[in-house]
Amino acid sequence: MNQATKKVLGKTDLVELIASTSAVSKVDAHDALSLVLDGITKALADGNDVNITGFGKFKVAHRPERQGRNPANGEPLTIKASNQVSFSVGAGLKQSVNN
């Protein structure tokens, strides 16, 4: 696929894709997708990793407070501690994208 035909799919697009390729309504597809996303979100918020075999692994990494610099004026500043979600691609997804 070239860049001219590439598009970004949103939640509504995924719901339509699920409904059109299965025997479920758009309402049921929306509900199912929402449940999956809510489950992943809750698991990550609780500090757990989420591994979907063949698709990938979501995990939360804690980034401690650290010193940085303001790019506008070069003054030192403190960057607050935060949690960051990362995603590692699974072998099945990687293979599908590369075929």
N, C-alpha and C. Protein backbone atom coordinates (compact mmCIF):
# COMPACT_ATOMS: atom_id res chain seq x y z
N MET A 1 0.85 -1.18 0.00
CA MET A 1 0.00 0.00 0.00
C MET A 1 0.89 1.24 0.00
N ASN A 2 0.62 2.15 -0.91
CA ASN A 2 1.42 3.37 -0.94
C ASN A 2 0.82 4.43 -0.03
N GLN A 3 1.57 5.49 0.18
CA GLN A 3 1.16 6.55 1.11
C GLN A 3 -0.13 7.23 0.65
N ALA A 4 -0.39 7.29 -0.66
CA ALA A 4 -1.58 7.97 -1.17
C ALA A 4 -2.86 7.24 -0.79
N THR A 5 -2.81 5.90 -0.68
CA THR A 5 -4.01 5.13 -0.36
C THR A 5 -4.10 4.76 1.12
N LYS A 6 -3.09 5.10 1.88
CA LYS A 6 -3.05 4.77 3.30
C LYS A 6 -4.02 5.68 4.06
N LYS A 7 -4.77 5.11 5.01
CA LYS A 7 -5.63 5.93 5.84
C LYS A 7 -5.55 5.46 7.28
N VAL A 8 -5.95 6.33 8.17
CA VAL A 8 -5.95 6.01 9.59
C VAL A 8 -7.36 5.57 9.97
N LEU A 9 -7.47 4.37 10.54
CA LEU A 9 -8.77 3.87 10.97
C LEU A 9 -9.02 4.27 12.41
N GLY A 10 -10.22 4.76 12.67
CA GLY A 10 -10.63 5.10 14.02
C GLY A 10 -11.52 4.01 14.59
N LYS A 11 -12.04 4.24 15.77
CA LYS A 11 -12.89 3.25 16.43
C LYS A 11 -14.12 2.93 15.59
N THR A 12 -14.74 3.95 15.00
CA THR A 12 -15.93 3.73 14.16
C THR A 12 -15.59 2.86 12.96
N ASP A 13 -14.44 3.10 12.36
CA ASP A 13 -14.01 2.29 11.21
C ASP A 13 -13.79 0.83 11.62
N LEU A 14 -13.20 0.62 12.79
CA LEU A 14 -12.99 -0.74 13.28
C LEU A 14 -14.31 -1.44 13.55
N VAL A 15 -15.27 -0.71 14.13
CA VAL A 15 -16.60 -1.27 14.38
C VAL A 15 -17.23 -1.71 13.07
N GLU A 16 -17.17 -0.86 12.05
CA GLU A 16 -17.73 -1.20 10.74
C GLU A 16 -17.02 -2.41 10.13
N LEU A 17 -15.70 -2.48 10.29
CA LEU A 17 -14.93 -3.62 9.77
C LEU A 17 -15.35 -4.91 10.47
N ILE A 18 -15.48 -4.87 11.79
CA ILE A 18 -15.89 -6.05 12.55
C ILE A 18 -17.29 -6.48 12.13
N ALA A 19 -18.22 -5.53 12.04
CA ALA A 19 -19.60 -5.85 11.68
C ALA A 19 -19.71 -6.40 10.26
N SER A 20 -18.92 -5.86 9.35
CA SER A 20 -19.01 -6.30 7.95
C SER A 20 -18.34 -7.65 7.70
N THR A 21 -17.44 -8.06 8.58
CA THR A 21 -16.74 -9.34 8.37
C THR A 21 -17.19 -10.43 9.33
N SER A 22 -18.25 -10.16 10.07
CA SER A 22 -18.77 -11.17 10.99
C SER A 22 -20.29 -11.08 11.02
N ALA A 23 -20.90 -11.95 11.76
CA ALA A 23 -22.36 -11.99 11.82
C ALA A 23 -22.89 -11.21 13.02
N VAL A 24 -22.29 -10.06 13.30
CA VAL A 24 -22.76 -9.24 14.42
C VAL A 24 -23.16 -7.86 13.90
N SER A 25 -24.06 -7.22 14.64
CA SER A 25 -24.50 -5.88 14.28
C SER A 25 -23.42 -4.86 14.65
N LYS A 26 -23.58 -3.64 14.13
CA LYS A 26 -22.65 -2.58 14.49
C LYS A 26 -22.72 -2.27 15.98
N VAL A 27 -23.91 -2.37 16.55
CA VAL A 27 -24.06 -2.11 17.99
C VAL A 27 -23.30 -3.15 18.79
N ASP A 28 -23.45 -4.43 18.41
CA ASP A 28 -22.73 -5.49 19.12
C ASP A 28 -21.22 -5.39 18.90
N ALA A 29 -20.81 -5.03 17.69
CA ALA A 29 -19.38 -4.85 17.40
C ALA A 29 -18.82 -3.71 18.23
N HIS A 30 -19.56 -2.61 18.33
CA HIS A 30 -19.14 -1.46 19.14
C HIS A 30 -19.00 -1.87 20.60
N ASP A 31 -20.00 -2.60 21.11
CA ASP A 31 -19.97 -3.03 22.51
C ASP A 31 -18.78 -3.96 22.78
N ALA A 32 -18.53 -4.89 21.86
CA ALA A 32 -17.42 -5.83 22.03
C ALA A 32 -16.08 -5.11 22.01
N LEU A 33 -15.90 -4.20 21.06
CA LEU A 33 -14.65 -3.45 20.97
C LEU A 33 -14.45 -2.59 22.21
N SER A 34 -15.52 -1.96 22.67
CA SER A 34 -15.43 -1.13 23.89
C SER A 34 -15.05 -1.97 25.10
N LEU A 35 -15.61 -3.16 25.22
CA LEU A 35 -15.26 -4.05 26.33
C LEU A 35 -13.79 -4.45 26.30
N VAL A 36 -13.29 -4.76 25.11
CA VAL A 36 -11.88 -5.14 24.98
C VAL A 36 -10.98 -3.97 25.36
N LEU A 37 -11.26 -2.80 24.81
CA LEU A 37 -10.44 -1.62 25.11
C LEU A 37 -10.52 -1.24 26.58
N ASP A 38 -11.72 -1.32 27.17
CA ASP A 38 -11.87 -1.02 28.60
C ASP A 38 -11.10 -2.02 29.45
N GLY A 39 -11.13 -3.30 29.05
CA GLY A 39 -10.40 -4.33 29.78
C GLY A 39 -8.90 -4.10 29.74
N ILE A 40 -8.38 -3.75 28.58
CA ILE A 40 -6.95 -3.46 28.44
C ILE A 40 -6.59 -2.25 29.28
N THR A 41 -7.41 -1.20 29.20
CA THR A 41 -7.16 0.03 29.96
C THR A 41 -7.15 -0.24 31.45
N LYS A 42 -8.14 -0.99 31.94
CA LYS A 42 -8.22 -1.28 33.38
C LYS A 42 -7.02 -2.11 33.84
N ALA A 43 -6.66 -3.12 33.06
CA ALA A 43 -5.52 -3.96 33.42
C ALA A 43 -4.24 -3.13 33.51
N LEU A 44 -4.02 -2.25 32.55
CA LEU A 44 -2.83 -1.41 32.57
C LEU A 44 -2.87 -0.42 33.73
N ALA A 45 -4.04 0.15 34.00
CA ALA A 45 -4.18 1.10 35.11
C ALA A 45 -3.92 0.42 36.44
N ASP A 46 -4.21 -0.88 36.52
CA ASP A 46 -3.96 -1.65 37.75
C ASP A 46 -2.51 -2.12 37.85
N GLY A 47 -1.69 -1.78 36.86
CA GLY A 47 -0.27 -2.13 36.89
C GLY A 47 0.07 -3.46 36.25
N ASN A 48 -0.88 -4.05 35.54
CA ASN A 48 -0.66 -5.35 34.90
C ASN A 48 -0.24 -5.18 33.45
N ASP A 49 0.46 -6.17 32.92
CA ASP A 49 0.76 -6.23 31.49
C ASP A 49 -0.38 -6.96 30.81
N VAL A 50 -0.57 -6.71 29.52
CA VAL A 50 -1.59 -7.41 28.74
C VAL A 50 -0.90 -8.03 27.53
N ASN A 51 -0.93 -9.36 27.45
CA ASN A 51 -0.30 -10.08 26.36
C ASN A 51 -1.38 -10.76 25.53
N ILE A 52 -1.49 -10.39 24.26
CA ILE A 52 -2.43 -11.01 23.35
C ILE A 52 -1.59 -11.79 22.35
N THR A 53 -1.55 -13.10 22.53
CA THR A 53 -0.68 -13.97 21.73
C THR A 53 -0.91 -13.74 20.24
N GLY A 54 0.17 -13.55 19.52
CA GLY A 54 0.11 -13.33 18.08
C GLY A 54 -0.13 -11.88 17.70
N PHE A 55 -0.54 -11.05 18.64
CA PHE A 55 -0.81 -9.64 18.36
C PHE A 55 0.25 -8.74 18.98
N GLY A 56 0.42 -8.87 20.30
CA GLY A 56 1.44 -8.06 20.95
C GLY A 56 1.22 -7.96 22.44
N LYS A 57 2.10 -7.19 23.08
CA LYS A 57 2.07 -7.05 24.53
C LYS A 57 2.06 -5.56 24.90
N PHE A 58 1.09 -5.19 25.73
CA PHE A 58 1.02 -3.85 26.29
C PHE A 58 1.61 -3.91 27.69
N LYS A 59 2.42 -2.93 28.04
CA LYS A 59 2.92 -2.89 29.41
C LYS A 59 3.15 -1.45 29.83
N VAL A 60 3.15 -1.25 31.15
CA VAL A 60 3.35 0.07 31.72
C VAL A 60 4.74 0.13 32.33
N ALA A 61 5.47 1.17 32.00
CA ALA A 61 6.80 1.39 32.57
C ALA A 61 6.77 2.70 33.35
N HIS A 62 7.32 2.68 34.55
CA HIS A 62 7.39 3.89 35.37
C HIS A 62 8.62 4.68 34.98
N ARG A 63 8.42 5.95 34.71
CA ARG A 63 9.54 6.85 34.42
C ARG A 63 9.73 7.75 35.64
N PRO A 64 10.84 7.64 36.33
CA PRO A 64 11.05 8.45 37.53
C PRO A 64 11.24 9.93 37.19
N GLU A 65 11.08 10.76 38.22
CA GLU A 65 11.34 12.19 38.05
C GLU A 65 12.78 12.38 37.61
N ARG A 66 13.00 13.35 36.72
CA ARG A 66 14.35 13.57 36.22
C ARG A 66 14.54 15.04 35.86
N GLN A 67 15.77 15.41 35.68
CA GLN A 67 16.10 16.78 35.30
C GLN A 67 16.17 16.88 33.78
N GLY A 68 15.65 17.98 33.26
CA GLY A 68 15.70 18.25 31.84
C GLY A 68 16.02 19.72 31.61
N ARG A 69 15.92 20.15 30.38
CA ARG A 69 16.17 21.56 30.05
C ARG A 69 15.02 22.09 29.20
N ASN A 70 14.66 23.33 29.47
CA ASN A 70 13.66 24.02 28.66
C ASN A 70 14.30 24.30 27.30
N PRO A 71 13.74 23.76 26.21
CA PRO A 71 14.38 23.96 24.91
C PRO A 71 14.37 25.42 24.44
N ALA A 72 13.44 26.21 24.96
CA ALA A 72 13.35 27.61 24.52
C ALA A 72 14.47 28.47 25.10
N ASN A 73 14.82 28.20 26.38
CA ASN A 73 15.82 29.07 27.00
C ASN A 73 16.99 28.34 27.65
N GLY A 74 16.95 27.01 27.64
CA GLY A 74 18.06 26.24 28.19
C GLY A 74 18.07 26.11 29.69
N GLU A 75 17.08 26.69 30.37
CA GLU A 75 17.06 26.62 31.84
C GLU A 75 16.72 25.20 32.29
N PRO A 76 17.33 24.74 33.39
CA PRO A 76 17.00 23.41 33.91
C PRO A 76 15.58 23.39 34.46
N LEU A 77 14.96 22.23 34.33
CA LEU A 77 13.62 22.05 34.90
C LEU A 77 13.46 20.61 35.32
N THR A 78 12.49 20.38 36.20
CA THR A 78 12.22 19.03 36.69
C THR A 78 11.06 18.45 35.89
N ILE A 79 11.29 17.28 35.32
CA ILE A 79 10.25 16.56 34.60
C ILE A 79 9.64 15.57 35.59
N LYS A 80 8.32 15.69 35.80
CA LYS A 80 7.64 14.86 36.80
C LYS A 80 7.69 13.38 36.44
N ALA A 81 7.61 12.55 37.47
CA ALA A 81 7.53 11.11 37.28
C ALA A 81 6.20 10.79 36.58
N SER A 82 6.20 9.75 35.77
CA SER A 82 4.98 9.37 35.07
C SER A 82 5.04 7.89 34.69
N ASN A 83 3.89 7.38 34.33
CA ASN A 83 3.81 6.02 33.80
C ASN A 83 3.58 6.12 32.30
N GLN A 84 4.24 5.25 31.55
CA GLN A 84 4.14 5.28 30.11
C GLN A 84 3.76 3.89 29.60
N VAL A 85 2.80 3.84 28.69
CA VAL A 85 2.38 2.58 28.09
C VAL A 85 3.25 2.31 26.87
N SER A 86 3.73 1.07 26.77
CA SER A 86 4.48 0.68 25.57
C SER A 86 3.82 -0.55 24.97
N PHE A 87 4.07 -0.76 23.69
CA PHE A 87 3.50 -1.90 22.97
C PHE A 87 4.60 -2.59 22.21
N SER A 88 4.72 -3.90 22.41
CA SER A 88 5.67 -4.72 21.66
C SER A 88 4.88 -5.57 20.68
N VAL A 89 5.25 -5.53 19.43
CA VAL A 89 4.53 -6.24 18.39
C VAL A 89 4.77 -7.74 18.49
N GLY A 90 3.69 -8.52 18.38
CA GLY A 90 3.79 -9.97 18.40
C GLY A 90 4.19 -10.52 17.04
N ALA A 91 4.66 -11.75 17.03
CA ALA A 91 5.15 -12.37 15.79
C ALA A 91 4.07 -12.47 14.73
N GLY A 92 2.85 -12.82 15.11
CA GLY A 92 1.77 -12.96 14.14
C GLY A 92 1.42 -11.65 13.46
N LEU A 93 1.34 -10.58 14.23
CA LEU A 93 1.04 -9.26 13.67
C LEU A 93 2.18 -8.79 12.77
N LYS A 94 3.39 -9.00 13.23
CA LYS A 94 4.57 -8.60 12.45
C LYS A 94 4.58 -9.31 11.10
N GLN A 95 4.28 -10.61 11.12
CA GLN A 95 4.26 -11.39 9.89
C GLN A 95 3.14 -10.91 8.96
N SER A 96 1.96 -10.62 9.51
CA SER A 96 0.84 -10.15 8.69
C SER A 96 1.14 -8.82 8.01
N VAL A 97 1.79 -7.93 8.73
CA VAL A 97 2.12 -6.60 8.20
C VAL A 97 3.19 -6.70 7.12
N ASN A 98 4.08 -7.66 7.24
CA ASN A 98 5.19 -7.79 6.29
C ASN A 98 4.88 -8.68 5.09
N ASN A 99 3.67 -9.19 5.00
CA ASN A 99 3.29 -10.02 3.84
C ASN A 99 2.50 -9.22 2.85
